[in-house]
Each structure stands twice: as structure tokens, then as C-alpha cells.
Amino acid sequence: MRDTFLFDLDGTLLPFDIEDFMKIYFGEMGKHFQDMIDGRVLAKYILASTQAMINNLDPKPNEEKFMEHFAKLLQTHDLTEYKKRFDLFYHEKFDRVKECVEKISLIKDSIEILKDKGYNLVVATNPIFPIKAIVKRIEWAGLNIDDFSYITCYQKNCYCKPHIQFYREVLDAIGKKPEECYMVGNDVQEDLVAGNLGIETYLITNYMINRNNEEIESTYQGTYEDFYEFVKGLDEVSKVLFSK
């Protein structure tokens, strides 16, 4: 039986529109690096290196993949100052991006219900950000990182969504089988692929992303309110395990 929930972060645990996020994010990033590189060039390089990292299925940390490609674009072998500046940005300036976040209590309330019922909770966000940026976004959602047994990030994870290897990596890390898990997310291509492993999927539709309007194949789908009602109806974990 299923006693574990994997959650996407952006547009799921954290309610916002991705276009609003990207606009503010790269605007603040450009100002932060303005003495080192043109903001538009920086955004172009970050996006290109992120895509290269996503496409690279070598079994090594995503951070390493990103930095290797980023260094090639900058035509340098020494990223020391860039790494320092990135770290400073996430420490001091990243919080400015949270103005795009919508205050919706239902997802936070759903997490509280799942905690009370004893479910294992995991943040299975696409690991394209450093842990510092992911922790901040969890906090923007009004959640506590201690509520989650595992949090993906680009320092420790080697694969990205939509590759099925990402979900295998998460399952291995938490010691769970697909039939013990739900995956909750808002991205049709990135989150619902978990269903190919036998993980039951729940598509949150408030900030749904569906590239090219593909046919949706999810176990469940609905709004934040629907998901709240869904978790309210679940048995406590003790009852779930007893029924095995």
C-alpha cells in the first residue's frame, strides 16, 4: 500500500506562475551580476547550461554537469568568483523573488493532514537548483524542511525530470518501491512520467504546465481544493500498513 508522497515544488507545494517567477528571478540575477556579465547573456548561459544538465545522463551530480557547461560558455576554467556570487545571490537576494508566490493555504493544510496521518513526505522537485534555493522556496510555502524525509537538489542528485532515472534515483534514496508512493505535481511531462514506474500520480491543475497540450494520463487530477479533500479521505498510515 502507498504510505509515501513525493511532491513537486514550483507550482505544486509553492503556488506561482512559472513565467512570473522566471521574469523576477532573472531580473534580480542580472542586477546581482551586472559588474561581471550582461544580464541577458547570463540568463542565456544559465538556461543553456541547465538544459545541458537535464539532458546529461552521466551518473554524476547535476551541479558538476551545470558548471562544466557554464564554464565552456564563459570560456574559462576558473568559476571561483561566479560560484561565490551565485551563493551570495541565493543567500541575500533570492528572497525578492517570492513576491510572485500566491498565498494558498490548502496545500499547507494538506501537508499537515498527511503528517498527522503518518505519511512519509518527500520533496521531489527537479534538482536544477542548489539546496539553499530549494530550502528557501519550501519556507516561502510556509512549510518546514523537517517535515520532509528527503529533498532533491542539484548538489546530490544526478538526474533530472522528465527522465525516469530521476524517479528511480529518488526511490533508491528513500528505500521505497513504486507501489508505495504517490507523485503530486503540476507538470504533465515532468511529473506524470512517474506513472511509468507504477507510482500513482496526482496532477494539480491550478498552475498546470502541459507543453503542446499532450493527452493527460494521471491517476488523479484536480485543484488544490480537490487534493485537500483527497488527503482528508485517506486512511492513517497505521491502517494502510495493517492492510498490507
C-alpha atoms as a PDB file:
ATOM      1  CA  MET A   1       0.000   0.000   0.000  1.00  0.00           C
ATOM      2  CA  ARG A   2       1.021   3.602  -0.505  1.00  0.00           C
ATOM      3  CA  ASP A   3       2.446   5.401   2.507  1.00  0.00           C
ATOM      4  CA  THR A   4       4.750   7.961   0.807  1.00  0.00           C
ATOM      5  CA  PHE A   5       4.052  11.194  -1.071  1.00  0.00           C
ATOM      6  CA  LEU A   6       6.571  12.696  -3.486  1.00  0.00           C
ATOM      7  CA  PHE A   7       5.861  16.374  -4.100  1.00  0.00           C
ATOM      8  CA  ASP A   8       6.945  18.696  -6.846  1.00  0.00           C
ATOM      9  CA  LEU A   9       7.757  22.176  -5.526  1.00  0.00           C
ATOM     10  CA  ASP A  10       7.203  25.003  -8.021  1.00  0.00           C
ATOM     11  CA  GLY A  11       3.546  25.271  -8.963  1.00  0.00           C
ATOM     12  CA  THR A  12       2.646  22.494  -6.531  1.00  0.00           C
ATOM     13  CA  LEU A  13       3.811  22.957  -2.940  1.00  0.00           C
ATOM     14  CA  LEU A  14       4.655  26.534  -3.888  1.00  0.00           C
ATOM     15  CA  PRO A  15       1.781  28.213  -5.778  1.00  0.00           C
ATOM     16  CA  PHE A  16       3.060  30.509  -8.518  1.00  0.00           C
ATOM     17  CA  ASP A  17       3.121  31.005 -12.258  1.00  0.00           C
ATOM     18  CA  ILE A  18       6.462  29.912 -13.702  1.00  0.00           C
ATOM     19  CA  GLU A  19       6.637  32.824 -16.149  1.00  0.00           C
ATOM     20  CA  ASP A  20       6.278  35.331 -13.305  1.00  0.00           C
ATOM     21  CA  PHE A  21       8.993  33.501 -11.374  1.00  0.00           C
ATOM     22  CA  MET A  22      11.435  33.453 -14.300  1.00  0.00           C
ATOM     23  CA  LYS A  23      10.932  37.152 -15.037  1.00  0.00           C
ATOM     24  CA  ILE A  24      11.690  38.237 -11.472  1.00  0.00           C
ATOM     25  CA  TYR A  25      14.405  35.611 -10.965  1.00  0.00           C
ATOM     26  CA  PHE A  26      16.482  36.594 -13.986  1.00  0.00           C
ATOM     27  CA  GLY A  27      15.850  40.286 -13.362  1.00  0.00           C
ATOM     28  CA  GLU A  28      17.314  40.031  -9.856  1.00  0.00           C
ATOM     29  CA  MET A  29      20.089  37.735 -11.029  1.00  0.00           C
ATOM     30  CA  GLY A  30      21.077  40.175 -13.776  1.00  0.00           C
ATOM     31  CA  LYS A  31      21.345  43.065 -11.298  1.00  0.00           C
ATOM     32  CA  HIS A  32      23.387  40.914  -8.936  1.00  0.00           C
ATOM     33  CA  PHE A  33      25.935  40.057 -11.663  1.00  0.00           C
ATOM     34  CA  GLN A  34      25.877  43.359 -13.555  1.00  0.00           C
ATOM     35  CA  ASP A  35      29.539  44.130 -12.816  1.00  0.00           C
ATOM     36  CA  MET A  36      30.627  40.728 -14.170  1.00  0.00           C
ATOM     37  CA  ILE A  37      28.398  39.946 -17.159  1.00  0.00           C
ATOM     38  CA  ASP A  38      25.453  41.360 -19.097  1.00  0.00           C
ATOM     39  CA  GLY A  39      22.201  40.132 -17.559  1.00  0.00           C
ATOM     40  CA  ARG A  40      20.732  38.911 -20.844  1.00  0.00           C
ATOM     41  CA  VAL A  41      23.861  36.931 -21.638  1.00  0.00           C
ATOM     42  CA  LEU A  42      23.877  35.471 -18.138  1.00  0.00           C
ATOM     43  CA  ALA A  43      20.258  34.343 -18.450  1.00  0.00           C
ATOM     44  CA  LYS A  44      21.010  32.766 -21.833  1.00  0.00           C
ATOM     45  CA  TYR A  45      24.009  30.890 -20.410  1.00  0.00           C
ATOM     46  CA  ILE A  46      22.123  29.703 -17.319  1.00  0.00           C
ATOM     47  CA  LEU A  47      19.239  28.387 -19.399  1.00  0.00           C
ATOM     48  CA  ALA A  48      21.578  26.659 -21.857  1.00  0.00           C
ATOM     49  CA  SER A  49      23.647  25.078 -19.084  1.00  0.00           C
ATOM     50  CA  THR A  50      20.504  23.971 -17.262  1.00  0.00           C
ATOM     51  CA  GLN A  51      19.216  22.252 -20.398  1.00  0.00           C
ATOM     52  CA  ALA A  52      22.592  20.594 -20.930  1.00  0.00           C
ATOM     53  CA  MET A  53      22.492  19.364 -17.324  1.00  0.00           C
ATOM     54  CA  ILE A  54      18.978  17.960 -17.801  1.00  0.00           C
ATOM     55  CA  ASN A  55      19.985  16.131 -20.982  1.00  0.00           C
ATOM     56  CA  ASN A  56      23.184  14.688 -19.479  1.00  0.00           C
ATOM     57  CA  LEU A  57      22.516  11.225 -18.052  1.00  0.00           C
ATOM     58  CA  ASP A  58      26.028  10.614 -16.753  1.00  0.00           C
ATOM     59  CA  PRO A  59      25.910   9.357 -13.130  1.00  0.00           C
ATOM     60  CA  LYS A  60      27.476  12.423 -11.552  1.00  0.00           C
ATOM     61  CA  PRO A  61      25.960  15.335  -9.585  1.00  0.00           C
ATOM     62  CA  ASN A  62      23.902  17.816 -11.565  1.00  0.00           C
ATOM     63  CA  GLU A  63      25.916  20.703 -10.145  1.00  0.00           C
ATOM     64  CA  GLU A  64      29.042  19.324 -11.792  1.00  0.00           C
ATOM     65  CA  LYS A  65      27.257  18.959 -15.129  1.00  0.00           C
ATOM     66  CA  PHE A  66      25.894  22.513 -14.956  1.00  0.00           C
ATOM     67  CA  MET A  67      29.224  24.082 -14.045  1.00  0.00           C
ATOM     68  CA  GLU A  68      31.122  22.200 -16.760  1.00  0.00           C
ATOM     69  CA  HIS A  69      28.794  23.549 -19.446  1.00  0.00           C
ATOM     70  CA  PHE A  70      28.635  27.030 -17.898  1.00  0.00           C
ATOM     71  CA  ALA A  71      32.444  27.223 -17.877  1.00  0.00           C
ATOM     72  CA  LYS A  72      32.572  26.326 -21.573  1.00  0.00           C
ATOM     73  CA  LEU A  73      30.156  29.129 -22.419  1.00  0.00           C
ATOM     74  CA  LEU A  74      32.186  31.603 -20.371  1.00  0.00           C
ATOM     75  CA  GLN A  75      35.393  30.239 -21.910  1.00  0.00           C
ATOM     76  CA  THR A  76      37.073  29.867 -18.531  1.00  0.00           C
ATOM     77  CA  HIS A  77      38.450  27.092 -16.350  1.00  0.00           C
ATOM     78  CA  ASP A  78      38.023  29.045 -13.119  1.00  0.00           C
ATOM     79  CA  LEU A  79      34.484  29.601 -11.861  1.00  0.00           C
ATOM     80  CA  THR A  80      35.508  30.541  -8.328  1.00  0.00           C
ATOM     81  CA  GLU A  81      34.143  34.072  -8.430  1.00  0.00           C
ATOM     82  CA  TYR A  82      30.958  33.037 -10.221  1.00  0.00           C
ATOM     83  CA  LYS A  83      30.291  30.309  -7.652  1.00  0.00           C
ATOM     84  CA  LYS A  84      30.807  32.803  -4.824  1.00  0.00           C
ATOM     85  CA  ARG A  85      28.438  35.257  -6.476  1.00  0.00           C
ATOM     86  CA  PHE A  86      25.784  32.581  -7.070  1.00  0.00           C
ATOM     87  CA  ASP A  87      25.979  31.549  -3.422  1.00  0.00           C
ATOM     88  CA  LEU A  88      25.677  35.179  -2.292  1.00  0.00           C
ATOM     89  CA  PHE A  89      22.655  35.679  -4.542  1.00  0.00           C
ATOM     90  CA  TYR A  90      20.753  32.767  -3.007  1.00  0.00           C
ATOM     91  CA  HIS A  91      21.747  33.890   0.470  1.00  0.00           C
ATOM     92  CA  GLU A  92      20.907  37.599   0.169  1.00  0.00           C
ATOM     93  CA  LYS A  93      18.801  38.358  -2.929  1.00  0.00           C
ATOM     94  CA  PHE A  94      16.749  35.279  -3.787  1.00  0.00           C
ATOM     95  CA  ASP A  95      14.003  36.134  -1.286  1.00  0.00           C
ATOM     96  CA  ARG A  96      12.999  39.041  -3.517  1.00  0.00           C
ATOM     97  CA  VAL A  97      11.616  36.519  -5.996  1.00  0.00           C
ATOM     98  CA  LYS A  98       8.936  35.329  -3.567  1.00  0.00           C
ATOM     99  CA  GLU A  99       6.702  38.275  -4.488  1.00  0.00           C
ATOM    100  CA  CYS A 100       5.343  36.050  -7.285  1.00  0.00           C
ATOM    101  CA  VAL A 101       4.065  33.455  -4.792  1.00  0.00           C
ATOM    102  CA  GLU A 102       0.305  33.242  -4.278  1.00  0.00           C
ATOM    103  CA  LYS A 103      -0.926  32.610  -0.748  1.00  0.00           C
ATOM    104  CA  ILE A 104      -2.974  29.412  -0.853  1.00  0.00           C
ATOM    105  CA  SER A 105      -3.371  27.674   2.496  1.00  0.00           C
ATOM    106  CA  LEU A 106      -4.929  24.469   1.176  1.00  0.00           C
ATOM    107  CA  ILE A 107      -1.646  22.832   0.130  1.00  0.00           C
ATOM    108  CA  LYS A 108      -0.096  23.652   3.501  1.00  0.00           C
ATOM    109  CA  ASP A 109      -3.203  22.281   5.216  1.00  0.00           C
ATOM    110  CA  SER A 110      -2.936  19.122   3.097  1.00  0.00           C
ATOM    111  CA  ILE A 111       0.647  18.609   4.261  1.00  0.00           C
ATOM    112  CA  GLU A 112      -0.453  18.947   7.885  1.00  0.00           C
ATOM    113  CA  ILE A 113      -3.123  16.309   7.367  1.00  0.00           C
ATOM    114  CA  LEU A 114      -0.641  13.912   5.765  1.00  0.00           C
ATOM    115  CA  LYS A 115       1.823  14.480   8.606  1.00  0.00           C
ATOM    116  CA  ASP A 116      -0.867  13.800  11.189  1.00  0.00           C
ATOM    117  CA  LYS A 117      -1.813  10.605   9.370  1.00  0.00           C
ATOM    118  CA  GLY A 118       1.804   9.427   9.422  1.00  0.00           C
ATOM    119  CA  TYR A 119       2.680   9.584   5.736  1.00  0.00           C
ATOM    120  CA  ASN A 120       6.299   9.858   4.627  1.00  0.00           C
ATOM    121  CA  LEU A 121       6.766  13.156   2.730  1.00  0.00           C
ATOM    122  CA  VAL A 122       9.423  13.869   0.097  1.00  0.00           C
ATOM    123  CA  VAL A 123      10.232  16.996  -1.927  1.00  0.00           C
ATOM    124  CA  ALA A 124      10.884  15.643  -5.413  1.00  0.00           C
ATOM    125  CA  THR A 125      11.496  18.943  -7.171  1.00  0.00           C
ATOM    126  CA  ASN A 126      13.514  18.991 -10.368  1.00  0.00           C
ATOM    127  CA  PRO A 127      17.075  19.179  -8.955  1.00  0.00           C
ATOM    128  CA  ILE A 128      18.275  22.097 -11.048  1.00  0.00           C
ATOM    129  CA  PHE A 129      18.796  24.452  -8.073  1.00  0.00           C
ATOM    130  CA  PRO A 130      21.203  24.361  -5.126  1.00  0.00           C
ATOM    131  CA  ILE A 131      19.812  23.203  -1.794  1.00  0.00           C
ATOM    132  CA  LYS A 132      19.845  26.755  -0.420  1.00  0.00           C
ATOM    133  CA  ALA A 133      17.390  27.908  -3.106  1.00  0.00           C
ATOM    134  CA  ILE A 134      15.166  24.877  -2.588  1.00  0.00           C
ATOM    135  CA  VAL A 135      15.044  25.309   1.201  1.00  0.00           C
ATOM    136  CA  LYS A 136      14.070  28.952   0.763  1.00  0.00           C
ATOM    137  CA  ARG A 137      11.221  28.023  -1.595  1.00  0.00           C
ATOM    138  CA  ILE A 138       9.960  25.411   0.849  1.00  0.00           C
ATOM    139  CA  GLU A 139       9.943  28.125   3.529  1.00  0.00           C
ATOM    140  CA  TRP A 140       8.124  30.537   1.179  1.00  0.00           C
ATOM    141  CA  ALA A 141       5.366  27.921   1.066  1.00  0.00           C
ATOM    142  CA  GLY A 142       5.092  28.169   4.859  1.00  0.00           C
ATOM    143  CA  LEU A 143       6.456  24.652   5.280  1.00  0.00           C
ATOM    144  CA  ASN A 144       9.205  23.233   7.464  1.00  0.00           C
ATOM    145  CA  ILE A 145      12.051  21.306   5.843  1.00  0.00           C
ATOM    146  CA  ASP A 146      11.948  18.895   8.788  1.00  0.00           C
ATOM    147  CA  ASP A 147       8.536  17.730   7.546  1.00  0.00           C
ATOM    148  CA  PHE A 148      10.291  16.012   4.637  1.00  0.00           C
ATOM    149  CA  SER A 149      12.454  12.921   4.854  1.00  0.00           C
ATOM    150  CA  TYR A 150      14.282  13.692   1.617  1.00  0.00           C
ATOM    151  CA  ILE A 151      14.743  16.806  -0.533  1.00  0.00           C
ATOM    152  CA  THR A 152      16.209  16.686  -4.021  1.00  0.00           C
ATOM    153  CA  CYS A 153      18.816  19.269  -5.102  1.00  0.00           C
ATOM    154  CA  TYR A 154      21.499  19.645  -7.735  1.00  0.00           C
ATOM    155  CA  GLN A 155      24.371  19.002  -5.336  1.00  0.00           C
ATOM    156  CA  LYS A 156      23.380  15.394  -4.619  1.00  0.00           C
ATOM    157  CA  ASN A 157      21.098  14.244  -7.438  1.00  0.00           C
ATOM    158  CA  CYS A 158      22.438  13.004 -10.755  1.00  0.00           C
ATOM    159  CA  TYR A 159      19.316  13.068 -12.912  1.00  0.00           C
ATOM    160  CA  CYS A 160      16.516  15.488 -13.739  1.00  0.00           C
ATOM    161  CA  LYS A 161      12.904  15.367 -14.777  1.00  0.00           C
ATOM    162  CA  PRO A 162      11.453  14.268 -17.160  1.00  0.00           C
ATOM    163  CA  HIS A 163      13.887  11.333 -17.212  1.00  0.00           C
ATOM    164  CA  ILE A 164      12.646   8.211 -15.479  1.00  0.00           C
ATOM    165  CA  GLN A 165      16.118   7.849 -13.943  1.00  0.00           C
ATOM    166  CA  PHE A 166      15.258  10.764 -11.646  1.00  0.00           C
ATOM    167  CA  TYR A 167      12.384   8.847 -10.081  1.00  0.00           C
ATOM    168  CA  ARG A 168      14.439   5.672  -9.763  1.00  0.00           C
ATOM    169  CA  GLU A 169      17.141   7.691  -8.009  1.00  0.00           C
ATOM    170  CA  VAL A 170      14.624   9.154  -5.537  1.00  0.00           C
ATOM    171  CA  LEU A 171      13.069   5.755  -4.829  1.00  0.00           C
ATOM    172  CA  ASP A 172      16.513   4.258  -4.191  1.00  0.00           C
ATOM    173  CA  ALA A 173      17.409   7.142  -1.868  1.00  0.00           C
ATOM    174  CA  ILE A 174      14.271   6.776   0.265  1.00  0.00           C
ATOM    175  CA  GLY A 175      14.147   2.985   0.128  1.00  0.00           C
ATOM    176  CA  LYS A 176      10.664   2.795  -1.367  1.00  0.00           C
ATOM    177  CA  LYS A 177       9.025   0.825  -4.170  1.00  0.00           C
ATOM    178  CA  PRO A 178       6.810   2.500  -6.793  1.00  0.00           C
ATOM    179  CA  GLU A 179       3.714   0.791  -5.420  1.00  0.00           C
ATOM    180  CA  GLU A 180       4.325   2.512  -2.067  1.00  0.00           C
ATOM    181  CA  CYS A 181       4.289   6.046  -3.494  1.00  0.00           C
ATOM    182  CA  TYR A 182       2.214   8.874  -4.925  1.00  0.00           C
ATOM    183  CA  MET A 183       3.731  11.636  -7.064  1.00  0.00           C
ATOM    184  CA  VAL A 184       1.998  15.025  -6.815  1.00  0.00           C
ATOM    185  CA  GLY A 185       2.872  17.713  -9.350  1.00  0.00           C
ATOM    186  CA  ASN A 186       1.606  20.292 -11.824  1.00  0.00           C
ATOM    187  CA  ASP A 187       3.748  19.441 -14.862  1.00  0.00           C
ATOM    188  CA  VAL A 188       2.250  16.909 -17.283  1.00  0.00           C
ATOM    189  CA  GLN A 189       5.571  15.999 -18.884  1.00  0.00           C
ATOM    190  CA  GLU A 190       7.856  16.151 -15.858  1.00  0.00           C
ATOM    191  CA  ASP A 191       5.675  14.772 -13.065  1.00  0.00           C
ATOM    192  CA  LEU A 192       3.310  12.284 -14.665  1.00  0.00           C
ATOM    193  CA  VAL A 193       6.190  10.275 -16.143  1.00  0.00           C
ATOM    194  CA  ALA A 194       6.496   8.790 -12.651  1.00  0.00           C
ATOM    195  CA  GLY A 195       3.430   6.738 -13.529  1.00  0.00           C
ATOM    196  CA  ASN A 196       5.559   4.688 -15.934  1.00  0.00           C
ATOM    197  CA  LEU A 197       7.209   3.121 -12.887  1.00  0.00           C
ATOM    198  CA  GLY A 198       3.939   2.271 -11.186  1.00  0.00           C
ATOM    199  CA  ILE A 199       3.809   5.352  -8.956  1.00  0.00           C
ATOM    200  CA  GLU A 200       0.276   6.722  -8.696  1.00  0.00           C
ATOM    201  CA  THR A 201       0.157  10.344  -9.876  1.00  0.00           C
ATOM    202  CA  TYR A 202      -1.910  13.342  -8.826  1.00  0.00           C
ATOM    203  CA  LEU A 203      -1.911  16.306 -11.227  1.00  0.00           C
ATOM    204  CA  ILE A 204      -2.526  19.669  -9.538  1.00  0.00           C
ATOM    205  CA  THR A 205      -4.301  21.787 -12.139  1.00  0.00           C
ATOM    206  CA  ASN A 206      -4.108  25.318 -10.685  1.00  0.00           C
ATOM    207  CA  TYR A 207      -0.729  26.053 -12.296  1.00  0.00           C
ATOM    208  CA  MET A 208      -0.679  23.163 -14.724  1.00  0.00           C
ATOM    209  CA  ILE A 209       2.062  23.017 -17.326  1.00  0.00           C
ATOM    210  CA  ASN A 210       1.269  20.947 -20.411  1.00  0.00           C
ATOM    211  CA  ARG A 211       3.661  21.520 -23.280  1.00  0.00           C
ATOM    212  CA  ASN A 212       1.986  21.030 -26.668  1.00  0.00           C
ATOM    213  CA  ASN A 213      -1.315  20.135 -24.965  1.00  0.00           C
ATOM    214  CA  GLU A 214      -0.454  16.462 -24.702  1.00  0.00           C
ATOM    215  CA  GLU A 215      -3.054  13.947 -23.580  1.00  0.00           C
ATOM    216  CA  ILE A 216      -3.100  13.756 -19.795  1.00  0.00           C
ATOM    217  CA  GLU A 217      -2.614  10.350 -18.211  1.00  0.00           C
ATOM    218  CA  SER A 218      -2.722  10.645 -14.428  1.00  0.00           C
ATOM    219  CA  THR A 219      -4.234   8.509 -11.705  1.00  0.00           C
ATOM    220  CA  TYR A 220      -5.925  11.568 -10.185  1.00  0.00           C
ATOM    221  CA  GLN A 221      -6.158  15.237 -11.034  1.00  0.00           C
ATOM    222  CA  GLY A 222      -7.769  18.312  -9.545  1.00  0.00           C
ATOM    223  CA  THR A 223      -7.303  21.677  -7.888  1.00  0.00           C
ATOM    224  CA  TYR A 224      -5.695  22.357  -4.523  1.00  0.00           C
ATOM    225  CA  GLU A 225      -9.160  22.062  -3.014  1.00  0.00           C
ATOM    226  CA  ASP A 226      -9.675  18.663  -4.659  1.00  0.00           C
ATOM    227  CA  PHE A 227      -6.320  17.441  -3.378  1.00  0.00           C
ATOM    228  CA  TYR A 228      -7.189  18.629   0.118  1.00  0.00           C
ATOM    229  CA  GLU A 229     -10.380  16.568   0.023  1.00  0.00           C
ATOM    230  CA  PHE A 230      -8.396  13.626  -1.351  1.00  0.00           C
ATOM    231  CA  VAL A 231      -5.919  13.565   1.551  1.00  0.00           C
ATOM    232  CA  LYS A 232      -8.728  14.062   4.055  1.00  0.00           C
ATOM    233  CA  GLY A 233     -10.210  10.824   2.784  1.00  0.00           C
ATOM    234  CA  LEU A 234      -7.025   8.769   3.123  1.00  0.00           C
ATOM    235  CA  ASP A 235      -6.546   6.264   5.913  1.00  0.00           C
ATOM    236  CA  GLU A 236      -3.885   6.783   8.551  1.00  0.00           C
ATOM    237  CA  VAL A 237      -0.614   5.040   7.719  1.00  0.00           C
ATOM    238  CA  SER A 238      -1.074   2.543  10.538  1.00  0.00           C
ATOM    239  CA  LYS A 239      -4.294   1.384   8.864  1.00  0.00           C
ATOM    240  CA  VAL A 240      -2.645   1.397   5.422  1.00  0.00           C
ATOM    241  CA  LEU A 241       0.247  -0.770   6.639  1.00  0.00           C
ATOM    242  CA  PHE A 242      -2.062  -3.083   8.566  1.00  0.00           C
ATOM    243  CA  SER A 243      -3.997  -3.742   5.359  1.00  0.00           C
ATOM    244  CA  LYS A 244      -0.913  -4.998   3.519  1.00  0.00           C
END
